[in-house]
N, C-alpha and C. Protein backbone atom coordinates (compact mmCIF):
# COMPACT_ATOMS: atom_id res chain seq x y z
N MET A 1 -1.53 -30.78 44.81
CA MET A 1 -2.13 -30.70 43.49
C MET A 1 -3.33 -31.63 43.44
N GLU A 2 -4.44 -31.14 42.99
CA GLU A 2 -5.66 -31.92 42.84
C GLU A 2 -5.52 -32.89 41.69
N PRO A 3 -6.25 -34.00 41.67
CA PRO A 3 -6.16 -34.95 40.56
C PRO A 3 -6.60 -34.34 39.23
N ASN A 4 -7.52 -33.38 39.25
CA ASN A 4 -8.00 -32.77 38.00
C ASN A 4 -7.10 -31.66 37.50
N ASP A 5 -6.21 -31.15 38.37
CA ASP A 5 -5.28 -30.08 37.97
C ASP A 5 -4.09 -30.71 37.27
N VAL A 6 -3.97 -30.44 36.02
CA VAL A 6 -2.87 -30.99 35.24
C VAL A 6 -2.06 -29.84 34.68
N GLU A 7 -0.75 -29.91 34.88
CA GLU A 7 0.10 -28.87 34.31
C GLU A 7 0.22 -29.09 32.82
N PRO A 8 0.19 -28.01 32.05
CA PRO A 8 0.31 -28.17 30.61
C PRO A 8 1.71 -28.66 30.24
N THR A 9 1.75 -29.56 29.30
CA THR A 9 3.03 -30.04 28.79
C THR A 9 3.48 -29.14 27.66
N SER A 10 4.70 -29.35 27.23
CA SER A 10 5.24 -28.50 26.16
C SER A 10 4.47 -28.67 24.87
N SER A 11 3.92 -29.88 24.61
CA SER A 11 3.15 -30.07 23.38
C SER A 11 1.82 -29.34 23.44
N GLU A 12 1.21 -29.24 24.65
CA GLU A 12 -0.05 -28.51 24.77
C GLU A 12 0.18 -27.02 24.58
N ILE A 13 1.29 -26.49 25.06
CA ILE A 13 1.59 -25.08 24.89
C ILE A 13 1.76 -24.77 23.40
N SER A 14 2.45 -25.64 22.69
CA SER A 14 2.63 -25.39 21.27
C SER A 14 1.31 -25.46 20.51
N ILE A 15 0.39 -26.28 20.97
CA ILE A 15 -0.95 -26.33 20.34
C ILE A 15 -1.67 -25.03 20.60
N GLU A 16 -1.55 -24.50 21.81
CA GLU A 16 -2.18 -23.22 22.11
C GLU A 16 -1.58 -22.11 21.26
N GLU A 17 -0.27 -22.12 21.13
CA GLU A 17 0.38 -21.12 20.31
C GLU A 17 -0.02 -21.26 18.85
N ALA A 18 -0.17 -22.50 18.39
CA ALA A 18 -0.56 -22.74 17.00
C ALA A 18 -1.98 -22.28 16.74
N ALA A 19 -2.81 -22.26 17.79
CA ALA A 19 -4.20 -21.84 17.62
C ALA A 19 -4.33 -20.32 17.55
N LEU A 20 -3.28 -19.60 17.95
CA LEU A 20 -3.32 -18.13 17.87
C LEU A 20 -3.10 -17.71 16.42
N PRO A 21 -3.97 -16.87 15.89
CA PRO A 21 -3.76 -16.43 14.50
C PRO A 21 -2.56 -15.51 14.37
N SER A 22 -1.86 -15.66 13.26
CA SER A 22 -0.72 -14.82 12.93
C SER A 22 -0.89 -14.29 11.52
N TRP A 23 -0.13 -13.26 11.20
CA TRP A 23 -0.15 -12.71 9.85
C TRP A 23 0.94 -13.37 9.02
N TYR A 24 0.59 -13.71 7.78
CA TYR A 24 1.52 -14.32 6.83
C TYR A 24 1.50 -13.47 5.56
N VAL A 25 2.51 -13.65 4.73
CA VAL A 25 2.63 -12.86 3.50
C VAL A 25 2.30 -13.73 2.30
N ILE A 26 1.45 -13.19 1.44
CA ILE A 26 1.12 -13.86 0.18
C ILE A 26 1.75 -13.08 -0.95
N GLN A 27 2.44 -13.80 -1.83
CA GLN A 27 2.97 -13.18 -3.04
C GLN A 27 1.92 -13.35 -4.14
N CYS A 28 1.60 -12.26 -4.81
CA CYS A 28 0.55 -12.28 -5.84
C CYS A 28 1.17 -12.30 -7.23
N LYS A 29 0.38 -12.72 -8.18
CA LYS A 29 0.80 -12.66 -9.57
C LYS A 29 0.87 -11.19 -9.97
N GLY A 30 1.60 -10.89 -11.04
CA GLY A 30 1.78 -9.52 -11.49
C GLY A 30 0.49 -8.74 -11.63
N SER A 31 0.40 -7.61 -10.98
CA SER A 31 -0.74 -6.69 -11.04
C SER A 31 -2.06 -7.34 -10.64
N GLU A 32 -2.03 -8.38 -9.83
CA GLU A 32 -3.27 -9.04 -9.43
C GLU A 32 -3.48 -9.06 -7.92
N SER A 33 -2.83 -8.16 -7.20
CA SER A 33 -2.98 -8.16 -5.75
C SER A 33 -4.40 -7.76 -5.33
N PHE A 34 -5.03 -6.85 -6.09
CA PHE A 34 -6.41 -6.45 -5.76
C PHE A 34 -7.35 -7.63 -5.98
N ARG A 35 -7.15 -8.36 -7.07
CA ARG A 35 -7.98 -9.54 -7.35
C ARG A 35 -7.78 -10.59 -6.27
N ALA A 36 -6.53 -10.86 -5.89
CA ALA A 36 -6.25 -11.85 -4.85
C ALA A 36 -6.91 -11.45 -3.53
N ALA A 37 -6.78 -10.19 -3.15
CA ALA A 37 -7.38 -9.71 -1.90
C ALA A 37 -8.90 -9.89 -1.93
N GLU A 38 -9.51 -9.57 -3.05
CA GLU A 38 -10.97 -9.71 -3.17
C GLU A 38 -11.40 -11.17 -3.07
N HIS A 39 -10.73 -12.05 -3.77
CA HIS A 39 -11.11 -13.47 -3.76
C HIS A 39 -10.84 -14.12 -2.40
N LEU A 40 -9.74 -13.76 -1.76
CA LEU A 40 -9.47 -14.31 -0.43
C LEU A 40 -10.49 -13.81 0.59
N THR A 41 -10.87 -12.55 0.50
CA THR A 41 -11.89 -12.00 1.40
C THR A 41 -13.23 -12.70 1.17
N ASN A 42 -13.57 -12.94 -0.10
CA ASN A 42 -14.82 -13.65 -0.41
C ASN A 42 -14.83 -15.07 0.14
N GLN A 43 -13.65 -15.65 0.31
CA GLN A 43 -13.55 -17.01 0.87
C GLN A 43 -13.56 -17.00 2.39
N GLY A 44 -13.62 -15.81 3.01
CA GLY A 44 -13.72 -15.71 4.45
C GLY A 44 -12.42 -15.49 5.18
N TYR A 45 -11.34 -15.26 4.47
CA TYR A 45 -10.06 -15.00 5.12
C TYR A 45 -9.97 -13.53 5.52
N GLU A 46 -9.22 -13.27 6.58
CA GLU A 46 -8.94 -11.89 6.98
C GLU A 46 -7.69 -11.45 6.22
N VAL A 47 -7.86 -10.42 5.39
CA VAL A 47 -6.79 -9.96 4.51
C VAL A 47 -6.51 -8.49 4.79
N PHE A 48 -5.24 -8.12 4.75
CA PHE A 48 -4.86 -6.72 4.85
C PHE A 48 -4.01 -6.39 3.63
N HIS A 49 -4.51 -5.45 2.83
CA HIS A 49 -3.85 -5.05 1.59
C HIS A 49 -3.68 -3.54 1.62
N PRO A 50 -2.59 -3.04 2.20
CA PRO A 50 -2.42 -1.59 2.31
C PRO A 50 -2.20 -0.94 0.94
N VAL A 51 -2.92 0.15 0.69
CA VAL A 51 -2.81 0.85 -0.59
C VAL A 51 -2.55 2.33 -0.36
N LEU A 52 -2.00 2.96 -1.38
CA LEU A 52 -1.77 4.40 -1.40
C LEU A 52 -2.59 4.99 -2.54
N ASN A 53 -3.15 6.16 -2.32
CA ASN A 53 -3.79 6.89 -3.41
C ASN A 53 -2.76 7.85 -3.97
N VAL A 54 -2.40 7.66 -5.22
CA VAL A 54 -1.39 8.49 -5.86
C VAL A 54 -1.94 9.10 -7.13
N GLN A 55 -1.34 10.21 -7.52
CA GLN A 55 -1.75 10.86 -8.76
C GLN A 55 -0.86 10.39 -9.90
N ARG A 56 -1.48 10.01 -10.99
CA ARG A 56 -0.76 9.58 -12.18
C ARG A 56 -1.32 10.34 -13.37
N ARG A 57 -0.46 10.54 -14.34
CA ARG A 57 -0.87 11.23 -15.57
C ARG A 57 -1.40 10.17 -16.55
N ARG A 58 -2.66 10.32 -16.95
CA ARG A 58 -3.30 9.42 -17.91
C ARG A 58 -3.92 10.28 -19.01
N GLN A 59 -3.47 10.09 -20.22
CA GLN A 59 -3.98 10.84 -21.37
C GLN A 59 -3.96 12.34 -21.08
N SER A 60 -2.83 12.83 -20.64
CA SER A 60 -2.55 14.23 -20.34
C SER A 60 -3.40 14.83 -19.22
N LYS A 61 -4.02 13.99 -18.39
CA LYS A 61 -4.77 14.46 -17.22
C LYS A 61 -4.25 13.75 -16.00
N LEU A 62 -4.28 14.44 -14.87
CA LEU A 62 -3.90 13.81 -13.61
C LEU A 62 -5.12 13.12 -13.01
N VAL A 63 -4.97 11.86 -12.69
CA VAL A 63 -6.04 11.11 -12.05
C VAL A 63 -5.48 10.46 -10.78
N THR A 64 -6.32 10.24 -9.81
CA THR A 64 -5.93 9.59 -8.57
C THR A 64 -6.24 8.11 -8.69
N VAL A 65 -5.24 7.27 -8.46
CA VAL A 65 -5.41 5.82 -8.54
C VAL A 65 -4.89 5.19 -7.25
N SER A 66 -5.43 4.03 -6.92
CA SER A 66 -4.96 3.28 -5.75
C SER A 66 -3.89 2.30 -6.20
N GLU A 67 -2.76 2.32 -5.51
CA GLU A 67 -1.67 1.40 -5.79
C GLU A 67 -1.27 0.70 -4.50
N PRO A 68 -0.87 -0.57 -4.60
CA PRO A 68 -0.45 -1.28 -3.38
C PRO A 68 0.78 -0.65 -2.75
N LEU A 69 0.80 -0.59 -1.43
CA LEU A 69 1.97 -0.11 -0.72
C LEU A 69 3.14 -1.06 -0.95
N PHE A 70 2.84 -2.37 -0.97
CA PHE A 70 3.84 -3.39 -1.27
C PHE A 70 3.40 -4.10 -2.55
N PRO A 71 3.89 -3.67 -3.71
CA PRO A 71 3.46 -4.32 -4.96
C PRO A 71 3.73 -5.82 -4.92
N TYR A 72 2.77 -6.59 -5.37
CA TYR A 72 2.83 -8.05 -5.45
C TYR A 72 2.67 -8.78 -4.12
N TYR A 73 2.39 -8.06 -3.02
CA TYR A 73 2.27 -8.72 -1.73
C TYR A 73 1.05 -8.23 -0.96
N LEU A 74 0.50 -9.11 -0.12
CA LEU A 74 -0.55 -8.75 0.81
C LEU A 74 -0.43 -9.63 2.04
N PHE A 75 -1.14 -9.29 3.09
CA PHE A 75 -1.07 -10.02 4.34
C PHE A 75 -2.36 -10.80 4.55
N ILE A 76 -2.23 -11.99 5.14
CA ILE A 76 -3.40 -12.81 5.45
C ILE A 76 -3.23 -13.33 6.88
N ARG A 77 -4.35 -13.35 7.62
CA ARG A 77 -4.30 -13.78 9.04
C ARG A 77 -4.82 -15.21 9.12
N LEU A 78 -3.96 -16.10 9.60
CA LEU A 78 -4.30 -17.52 9.69
C LEU A 78 -3.80 -18.09 11.00
N ASP A 79 -4.44 -19.19 11.44
CA ASP A 79 -3.85 -19.97 12.53
C ASP A 79 -3.49 -21.34 11.96
N GLN A 80 -2.69 -22.09 12.70
CA GLN A 80 -2.18 -23.34 12.16
C GLN A 80 -3.10 -24.52 12.43
N ILE A 81 -4.20 -24.32 13.15
CA ILE A 81 -5.07 -25.44 13.47
C ILE A 81 -6.41 -25.34 12.75
N ILE A 82 -7.12 -24.22 12.92
CA ILE A 82 -8.48 -24.10 12.41
C ILE A 82 -8.52 -23.66 10.95
N SER A 83 -7.65 -22.76 10.56
CA SER A 83 -7.70 -22.19 9.20
C SER A 83 -7.44 -23.25 8.14
N ASN A 84 -8.18 -23.15 7.06
CA ASN A 84 -7.98 -24.04 5.92
C ASN A 84 -7.01 -23.36 4.96
N TRP A 85 -5.80 -23.86 4.87
CA TRP A 85 -4.74 -23.25 4.07
C TRP A 85 -4.78 -23.69 2.61
N ARG A 86 -5.43 -24.81 2.33
CA ARG A 86 -5.38 -25.38 0.97
C ARG A 86 -5.95 -24.49 -0.13
N PRO A 87 -7.10 -23.83 0.07
CA PRO A 87 -7.66 -23.02 -1.03
C PRO A 87 -6.81 -21.81 -1.41
N ILE A 88 -5.91 -21.42 -0.55
CA ILE A 88 -5.11 -20.21 -0.81
C ILE A 88 -4.30 -20.37 -2.09
N ARG A 89 -3.67 -21.52 -2.27
CA ARG A 89 -2.81 -21.74 -3.43
C ARG A 89 -3.54 -21.60 -4.75
N SER A 90 -4.80 -22.00 -4.78
CA SER A 90 -5.55 -21.98 -6.05
C SER A 90 -6.44 -20.75 -6.20
N THR A 91 -6.31 -19.78 -5.31
CA THR A 91 -7.10 -18.55 -5.40
C THR A 91 -6.58 -17.69 -6.55
N ARG A 92 -7.50 -17.12 -7.31
CA ARG A 92 -7.10 -16.26 -8.43
C ARG A 92 -6.27 -15.09 -7.94
N GLY A 93 -5.15 -14.86 -8.62
CA GLY A 93 -4.25 -13.77 -8.28
C GLY A 93 -3.14 -14.15 -7.32
N VAL A 94 -3.27 -15.27 -6.63
CA VAL A 94 -2.25 -15.70 -5.66
C VAL A 94 -1.18 -16.51 -6.38
N LEU A 95 0.07 -16.16 -6.14
CA LEU A 95 1.18 -16.95 -6.67
C LEU A 95 1.59 -18.00 -5.65
N ARG A 96 1.85 -17.55 -4.42
CA ARG A 96 2.24 -18.49 -3.37
C ARG A 96 2.25 -17.80 -2.02
N LEU A 97 2.27 -18.61 -0.99
CA LEU A 97 2.46 -18.15 0.37
C LEU A 97 3.96 -18.15 0.61
N LEU A 98 4.52 -17.06 1.14
CA LEU A 98 5.95 -17.00 1.37
C LEU A 98 6.35 -17.98 2.46
N THR A 99 7.37 -18.78 2.18
CA THR A 99 7.83 -19.78 3.12
C THR A 99 9.34 -19.74 3.24
N PHE A 100 9.83 -20.31 4.31
CA PHE A 100 11.24 -20.56 4.48
C PHE A 100 11.35 -22.07 4.53
N GLY A 101 11.84 -22.68 3.45
CA GLY A 101 11.77 -24.13 3.33
C GLY A 101 10.32 -24.49 3.09
N ASN A 102 9.75 -25.30 3.96
CA ASN A 102 8.33 -25.65 3.85
C ASN A 102 7.49 -24.98 4.92
N THR A 103 8.10 -24.08 5.70
CA THR A 103 7.40 -23.43 6.80
C THR A 103 6.99 -22.02 6.40
N PRO A 104 5.69 -21.70 6.46
CA PRO A 104 5.25 -20.33 6.15
C PRO A 104 5.88 -19.32 7.10
N ILE A 105 6.23 -18.18 6.56
CA ILE A 105 6.87 -17.12 7.34
C ILE A 105 5.78 -16.23 7.94
N SER A 106 5.77 -16.15 9.27
CA SER A 106 4.80 -15.25 9.91
C SER A 106 5.43 -13.87 10.06
N VAL A 107 4.58 -12.88 10.03
CA VAL A 107 4.99 -11.48 10.17
C VAL A 107 4.58 -11.04 11.56
N PRO A 108 5.41 -10.26 12.25
CA PRO A 108 5.01 -9.79 13.59
C PRO A 108 3.68 -9.03 13.53
N ASN A 109 2.81 -9.35 14.47
CA ASN A 109 1.51 -8.67 14.53
C ASN A 109 1.67 -7.16 14.66
N THR A 110 2.74 -6.73 15.32
CA THR A 110 2.95 -5.30 15.52
C THR A 110 3.16 -4.56 14.20
N LEU A 111 3.75 -5.23 13.20
CA LEU A 111 3.95 -4.60 11.90
C LEU A 111 2.61 -4.26 11.25
N VAL A 112 1.71 -5.23 11.22
CA VAL A 112 0.40 -5.01 10.60
C VAL A 112 -0.41 -4.02 11.42
N GLU A 113 -0.32 -4.11 12.76
CA GLU A 113 -1.03 -3.16 13.61
C GLU A 113 -0.54 -1.74 13.37
N THR A 114 0.76 -1.58 13.20
CA THR A 114 1.34 -0.26 12.95
C THR A 114 0.84 0.29 11.61
N LEU A 115 0.83 -0.55 10.59
CA LEU A 115 0.34 -0.10 9.28
C LEU A 115 -1.14 0.26 9.34
N ARG A 116 -1.93 -0.53 10.06
CA ARG A 116 -3.37 -0.25 10.17
C ARG A 116 -3.64 0.99 11.01
N ALA A 117 -2.77 1.30 11.96
CA ALA A 117 -2.98 2.44 12.86
C ALA A 117 -2.67 3.77 12.19
N GLN A 118 -2.09 3.74 11.00
CA GLN A 118 -1.73 4.98 10.32
C GLN A 118 -2.45 5.10 8.98
N PRO A 119 -3.79 5.09 8.99
CA PRO A 119 -4.50 5.15 7.72
C PRO A 119 -4.30 6.46 6.97
N HIS A 120 -3.98 7.54 7.71
CA HIS A 120 -3.77 8.82 7.02
C HIS A 120 -2.57 8.73 6.09
N ARG A 121 -1.58 7.94 6.42
CA ARG A 121 -0.42 7.80 5.54
C ARG A 121 -0.72 6.88 4.38
N LEU A 122 -1.63 5.94 4.58
CA LEU A 122 -1.91 4.97 3.53
C LEU A 122 -2.99 5.43 2.59
N GLU A 123 -3.96 6.17 3.09
CA GLU A 123 -5.09 6.54 2.26
C GLU A 123 -5.05 7.99 1.80
N GLY A 124 -4.12 8.76 2.32
CA GLY A 124 -4.03 10.15 1.90
C GLY A 124 -3.57 10.27 0.46
N SER A 125 -3.91 11.36 -0.16
CA SER A 125 -3.52 11.56 -1.55
C SER A 125 -2.06 11.97 -1.62
N HIS A 126 -1.30 11.34 -2.47
CA HIS A 126 0.10 11.68 -2.68
C HIS A 126 0.23 12.26 -4.08
N THR A 127 0.80 13.44 -4.16
CA THR A 127 0.85 14.13 -5.43
C THR A 127 1.85 13.51 -6.37
N TYR A 128 1.60 13.76 -7.62
CA TYR A 128 2.47 13.29 -8.69
C TYR A 128 3.80 14.02 -8.64
N PHE A 129 3.80 15.25 -8.18
CA PHE A 129 5.01 16.06 -8.09
C PHE A 129 5.44 16.18 -6.63
N CYS A 130 6.75 16.29 -6.42
CA CYS A 130 7.31 16.45 -5.07
C CYS A 130 7.80 17.87 -4.89
N ALA A 131 7.75 18.38 -3.68
CA ALA A 131 8.24 19.73 -3.38
C ALA A 131 9.71 19.83 -3.77
N GLY A 132 10.06 20.91 -4.46
CA GLY A 132 11.43 21.14 -4.90
C GLY A 132 11.76 20.53 -6.25
N GLU A 133 10.80 19.81 -6.83
CA GLU A 133 11.03 19.16 -8.12
C GLU A 133 10.86 20.15 -9.27
N LYS A 134 11.68 20.00 -10.29
CA LYS A 134 11.59 20.87 -11.47
C LYS A 134 10.42 20.42 -12.34
N VAL A 135 9.58 21.38 -12.77
CA VAL A 135 8.43 21.11 -13.63
C VAL A 135 8.44 22.10 -14.80
N THR A 136 7.71 21.75 -15.84
CA THR A 136 7.57 22.63 -17.00
C THR A 136 6.10 22.99 -17.15
N ILE A 137 5.82 24.24 -17.41
CA ILE A 137 4.45 24.70 -17.64
C ILE A 137 4.12 24.44 -19.11
N THR A 138 3.00 23.77 -19.38
CA THR A 138 2.71 23.31 -20.74
C THR A 138 1.78 24.21 -21.55
N ASP A 139 1.15 25.21 -20.92
CA ASP A 139 0.21 26.05 -21.67
C ASP A 139 0.07 27.40 -20.97
N GLY A 140 -0.50 28.35 -21.66
CA GLY A 140 -0.73 29.67 -21.10
C GLY A 140 0.43 30.61 -21.37
N PRO A 141 0.44 31.79 -20.71
CA PRO A 141 1.47 32.80 -20.97
C PRO A 141 2.88 32.35 -20.56
N PHE A 142 2.99 31.33 -19.70
CA PHE A 142 4.30 30.86 -19.26
C PHE A 142 4.66 29.51 -19.89
N LYS A 143 4.06 29.22 -21.03
CA LYS A 143 4.27 27.95 -21.72
C LYS A 143 5.76 27.70 -21.96
N ASP A 144 6.18 26.45 -21.71
CA ASP A 144 7.55 25.96 -21.91
C ASP A 144 8.57 26.54 -20.95
N LEU A 145 8.14 27.26 -19.93
CA LEU A 145 9.07 27.76 -18.92
C LEU A 145 9.20 26.74 -17.79
N ASP A 146 10.42 26.63 -17.25
CA ASP A 146 10.66 25.73 -16.14
C ASP A 146 10.40 26.45 -14.83
N ALA A 147 9.86 25.70 -13.87
CA ALA A 147 9.56 26.23 -12.55
C ALA A 147 9.90 25.17 -11.52
N ILE A 148 9.79 25.54 -10.27
CA ILE A 148 10.02 24.61 -9.16
C ILE A 148 8.67 24.38 -8.47
N PHE A 149 8.27 23.12 -8.39
CA PHE A 149 7.02 22.78 -7.72
C PHE A 149 7.18 22.99 -6.22
N GLU A 150 6.22 23.71 -5.62
CA GLU A 150 6.27 23.94 -4.17
C GLU A 150 5.27 23.07 -3.43
N ARG A 151 3.99 23.17 -3.82
CA ARG A 151 2.95 22.41 -3.12
C ARG A 151 1.65 22.45 -3.91
N CYS A 152 0.76 21.56 -3.53
CA CYS A 152 -0.59 21.57 -4.11
C CYS A 152 -1.44 22.57 -3.35
N LYS A 153 -2.37 23.15 -4.06
CA LYS A 153 -3.34 24.04 -3.44
C LYS A 153 -4.70 23.48 -3.82
N GLY A 154 -5.19 22.60 -2.99
CA GLY A 154 -6.42 21.89 -3.33
C GLY A 154 -6.09 20.71 -4.24
N GLU A 155 -7.12 20.21 -4.92
CA GLU A 155 -6.93 19.04 -5.77
C GLU A 155 -6.54 19.40 -7.19
N GLU A 156 -6.83 20.62 -7.65
CA GLU A 156 -6.63 20.94 -9.06
C GLU A 156 -5.60 22.03 -9.31
N ARG A 157 -5.06 22.64 -8.26
CA ARG A 157 -4.13 23.75 -8.47
C ARG A 157 -2.84 23.50 -7.70
N ALA A 158 -1.78 24.17 -8.14
CA ALA A 158 -0.47 24.03 -7.50
C ALA A 158 0.21 25.39 -7.41
N ILE A 159 1.09 25.50 -6.45
CA ILE A 159 1.93 26.69 -6.30
C ILE A 159 3.32 26.31 -6.81
N VAL A 160 3.82 27.08 -7.79
CA VAL A 160 5.16 26.86 -8.32
C VAL A 160 5.96 28.13 -8.16
N LEU A 161 7.27 27.98 -8.17
CA LEU A 161 8.19 29.10 -8.06
C LEU A 161 8.81 29.30 -9.44
N LEU A 162 8.57 30.48 -10.01
CA LEU A 162 9.02 30.79 -11.36
C LEU A 162 9.91 32.02 -11.32
N ASN A 163 11.03 31.97 -12.01
CA ASN A 163 11.93 33.12 -12.09
C ASN A 163 11.41 34.08 -13.14
N VAL A 164 10.94 35.25 -12.71
CA VAL A 164 10.44 36.28 -13.61
C VAL A 164 11.21 37.56 -13.31
N LEU A 165 11.85 38.12 -14.32
CA LEU A 165 12.64 39.34 -14.18
C LEU A 165 13.70 39.20 -13.08
N GLN A 166 14.38 38.08 -13.10
CA GLN A 166 15.48 37.80 -12.17
C GLN A 166 15.04 37.72 -10.70
N ARG A 167 13.73 37.50 -10.49
CA ARG A 167 13.22 37.34 -9.12
C ARG A 167 12.30 36.13 -9.07
N PRO A 168 12.41 35.32 -8.04
CA PRO A 168 11.48 34.19 -7.91
C PRO A 168 10.08 34.69 -7.54
N GLN A 169 9.10 34.22 -8.28
CA GLN A 169 7.70 34.59 -8.03
C GLN A 169 6.87 33.33 -7.80
N HIS A 170 5.97 33.41 -6.82
CA HIS A 170 5.04 32.31 -6.60
C HIS A 170 3.90 32.43 -7.60
N LEU A 171 3.57 31.32 -8.23
CA LEU A 171 2.54 31.32 -9.26
C LEU A 171 1.55 30.22 -8.95
N ASN A 172 0.26 30.53 -9.00
CA ASN A 172 -0.81 29.57 -8.77
C ASN A 172 -1.29 29.10 -10.14
N VAL A 173 -1.05 27.80 -10.47
CA VAL A 173 -1.41 27.28 -11.79
C VAL A 173 -2.21 25.98 -11.66
N PRO A 174 -3.02 25.64 -12.67
CA PRO A 174 -3.69 24.34 -12.65
C PRO A 174 -2.67 23.20 -12.75
N ILE A 175 -2.86 22.16 -11.97
CA ILE A 175 -1.92 21.04 -11.98
C ILE A 175 -1.82 20.41 -13.36
N GLU A 176 -2.91 20.39 -14.10
CA GLU A 176 -2.87 19.74 -15.42
C GLU A 176 -1.95 20.45 -16.41
N LEU A 177 -1.53 21.70 -16.10
CA LEU A 177 -0.61 22.42 -16.97
C LEU A 177 0.85 22.15 -16.64
N LEU A 178 1.11 21.27 -15.68
CA LEU A 178 2.48 20.97 -15.29
C LEU A 178 2.87 19.59 -15.79
N ARG A 179 4.14 19.45 -16.13
CA ARG A 179 4.68 18.13 -16.48
C ARG A 179 6.13 18.08 -16.02
N LYS A 180 6.61 16.88 -15.87
CA LYS A 180 8.03 16.71 -15.53
C LYS A 180 8.84 16.90 -16.79
N PRO A 181 9.98 17.64 -16.72
CA PRO A 181 10.77 17.88 -17.93
C PRO A 181 11.46 16.62 -18.45
């Protein structure tokens, strides 16, 4: 062994491991996860806030809104040496960093990588109605009749199964004419 070749000690290995960034979970204040993600990103932190686009009924119209995949939570990537952890606590929208005792809980990198690798599941539109769900038609010649929702046909229309003359018939109707009974 050369005089300059030094084997790493266990404390040096732990320093190296501490320098590797890991993902941690932040708990946000009620309905403020978007605000927390924005403010943390503005402060230079790497944040992952997975969202779903879902359809919700607002004032009798269906609108697409973004909702967190994990309400009240988001992920932040930090290391234990270089990252400044102090501003996180006072960031708008942040309630706390999840800990076990006084030690922050890290999340396996593979979990976040898996969520990021499937953007079609996170960003795709999810309909307000599910296949096989009972719906009521609210207007037109079939007003107040119950049907079975089958699928969406584009963004504004749906295919429903309606019993007409003792036979199930497929009907193409505007989504805004459907409601849950």
